[in-house]
Amino acid sequence: MHGLEQEVTLGESRVLLYPLYHPAAALYTPAMLSVLEQDFARLPELMGKEIAPPAPLLTPVVPEPAPAATVQLGLF
């Protein structure tokens, strides 16, 4: 998933997710520094990217009103 942007719907908004490694990974693994720099270099491109509008929300189906309440007869 790393580095592959994905358009998703969160609530009523479309957003672009861009998974990347935590910056601390470069502290523990020096080879990750170049990967992290490449990821951050792509951010301006992704921030200017157009996102498709969210799909229209479906109208909820309203159930028909229940029939008039019935009276339960007592035992005595």
C-alpha atoms as a PDB file:
ATOM      1  CA  MET A   1       0.000   0.000   0.000  1.00  0.00           C
ATOM      2  CA  HIS A   2       2.947   2.330   0.574  1.00  0.00           C
ATOM      3  CA  GLY A   3       3.048   5.176  -1.927  1.00  0.00           C
ATOM      4  CA  LEU A   4      -0.182   4.253  -3.736  1.00  0.00           C
ATOM      5  CA  GLU A   5      -2.753   7.016  -3.430  1.00  0.00           C
ATOM      6  CA  GLN A   6      -6.369   5.954  -3.022  1.00  0.00           C
ATOM      7  CA  GLU A   7      -9.579   7.933  -3.322  1.00  0.00           C
ATOM      8  CA  VAL A   8     -12.031   6.995  -0.578  1.00  0.00           C
ATOM      9  CA  THR A   9     -15.250   8.373   0.836  1.00  0.00           C
ATOM     10  CA  LEU A  10     -15.187   9.358   4.505  1.00  0.00           C
ATOM     11  CA  GLY A  11     -18.598  10.431   5.683  1.00  0.00           C
ATOM     12  CA  GLU A  12     -19.889  12.744   2.962  1.00  0.00           C
ATOM     13  CA  SER A  13     -16.446  13.768   1.636  1.00  0.00           C
ATOM     14  CA  ARG A  14     -14.088  12.286  -0.931  1.00  0.00           C
ATOM     15  CA  VAL A  15     -10.466  12.311   0.244  1.00  0.00           C
ATOM     16  CA  LEU A  16      -7.149  11.146  -1.123  1.00  0.00           C
ATOM     17  CA  LEU A  17      -5.169   8.814   1.131  1.00  0.00           C
ATOM     18  CA  TYR A  18      -1.420   8.526   0.582  1.00  0.00           C
ATOM     19  CA  PRO A  19       0.147   5.923   2.878  1.00  0.00           C
ATOM     20  CA  LEU A  20       3.798   6.479   3.731  1.00  0.00           C
ATOM     21  CA  TYR A  21       6.274   5.358   6.325  1.00  0.00           C
ATOM     22  CA  HIS A  22       6.580   7.127   9.642  1.00  0.00           C
ATOM     23  CA  PRO A  23       9.496   9.589   9.604  1.00  0.00           C
ATOM     24  CA  ALA A  24      11.106   7.766  12.548  1.00  0.00           C
ATOM     25  CA  ALA A  25      11.765   4.847  10.182  1.00  0.00           C
ATOM     26  CA  ALA A  26      14.601   6.936   8.667  1.00  0.00           C
ATOM     27  CA  LEU A  27      16.198   7.259  12.107  1.00  0.00           C
ATOM     28  CA  TYR A  28      16.391   3.506  12.612  1.00  0.00           C
ATOM     29  CA  THR A  29      17.047   2.518   8.995  1.00  0.00           C
ATOM     30  CA  PRO A  30      19.167   5.096   7.140  1.00  0.00           C
ATOM     31  CA  ALA A  31      18.245   3.588   3.738  1.00  0.00           C
ATOM     32  CA  MET A  32      14.639   4.702   4.392  1.00  0.00           C
ATOM     33  CA  LEU A  33      15.656   8.362   4.255  1.00  0.00           C
ATOM     34  CA  SER A  34      15.704   8.433   0.432  1.00  0.00           C
ATOM     35  CA  VAL A  35      12.301   6.678   0.284  1.00  0.00           C
ATOM     36  CA  LEU A  36      10.885   9.196   2.727  1.00  0.00           C
ATOM     37  CA  GLU A  37      12.302  12.123   0.746  1.00  0.00           C
ATOM     38  CA  GLN A  38      10.678  10.781  -2.439  1.00  0.00           C
ATOM     39  CA  ASP A  39       7.345  10.413  -0.631  1.00  0.00           C
ATOM     40  CA  PHE A  40       7.452  13.980   0.647  1.00  0.00           C
ATOM     41  CA  ALA A  41       8.510  15.270  -2.787  1.00  0.00           C
ATOM     42  CA  ARG A  42       5.208  13.892  -4.207  1.00  0.00           C
ATOM     43  CA  LEU A  43       3.016  15.740  -1.703  1.00  0.00           C
ATOM     44  CA  PRO A  44       2.668  19.010  -3.708  1.00  0.00           C
ATOM     45  CA  GLU A  45       1.576  17.003  -6.770  1.00  0.00           C
ATOM     46  CA  LEU A  46      -1.005  15.064  -4.751  1.00  0.00           C
ATOM     47  CA  MET A  47      -2.333  18.134  -2.945  1.00  0.00           C
ATOM     48  CA  GLY A  48      -3.217  19.736  -6.302  1.00  0.00           C
ATOM     49  CA  LYS A  49      -4.897  16.611  -7.667  1.00  0.00           C
ATOM     50  CA  GLU A  50      -8.609  16.790  -8.504  1.00  0.00           C
ATOM     51  CA  ILE A  51     -10.773  14.322  -6.630  1.00  0.00           C
ATOM     52  CA  ALA A  52     -14.013  12.943  -8.031  1.00  0.00           C
ATOM     53  CA  PRO A  53     -17.102  14.247  -6.209  1.00  0.00           C
ATOM     54  CA  PRO A  54     -18.763  11.811  -3.819  1.00  0.00           C
ATOM     55  CA  ALA A  55     -21.572   9.660  -5.127  1.00  0.00           C
ATOM     56  CA  PRO A  56     -25.002  11.055  -4.248  1.00  0.00           C
ATOM     57  CA  LEU A  57     -26.439   9.689  -1.063  1.00  0.00           C
ATOM     58  CA  LEU A  58     -29.381   7.372  -1.463  1.00  0.00           C
ATOM     59  CA  THR A  59     -32.684   8.578  -0.105  1.00  0.00           C
ATOM     60  CA  PRO A  60     -33.757   6.444   2.815  1.00  0.00           C
ATOM     61  CA  VAL A  61     -36.839   4.325   2.327  1.00  0.00           C
ATOM     62  CA  VAL A  62     -39.538   5.480   4.703  1.00  0.00           C
ATOM     63  CA  PRO A  63     -41.624   2.545   5.923  1.00  0.00           C
ATOM     64  CA  GLU A  64     -45.376   2.788   5.715  1.00  0.00           C
ATOM     65  CA  PRO A  65     -47.084   3.737   8.962  1.00  0.00           C
ATOM     66  CA  ALA A  66     -48.114   0.831  11.142  1.00  0.00           C
ATOM     67  CA  PRO A  67     -51.799  -0.032  11.195  1.00  0.00           C
ATOM     68  CA  ALA A  68     -53.881   1.324  14.070  1.00  0.00           C
ATOM     69  CA  ALA A  69     -52.876  -0.158  17.395  1.00  0.00           C
ATOM     70  CA  THR A  70     -54.820  -3.239  18.428  1.00  0.00           C
ATOM     71  CA  VAL A  71     -56.129  -3.695  21.928  1.00  0.00           C
ATOM     72  CA  GLN A  72     -55.051  -6.826  23.733  1.00  0.00           C
ATOM     73  CA  LEU A  73     -57.811  -8.454  25.755  1.00  0.00           C
ATOM     74  CA  GLY A  74     -57.125  -9.212  29.399  1.00  0.00           C
ATOM     75  CA  LEU A  75     -57.457 -12.673  30.904  1.00  0.00           C
ATOM     76  CA  PHE A  76     -59.945 -11.608  33.606  1.00  0.00           C
END
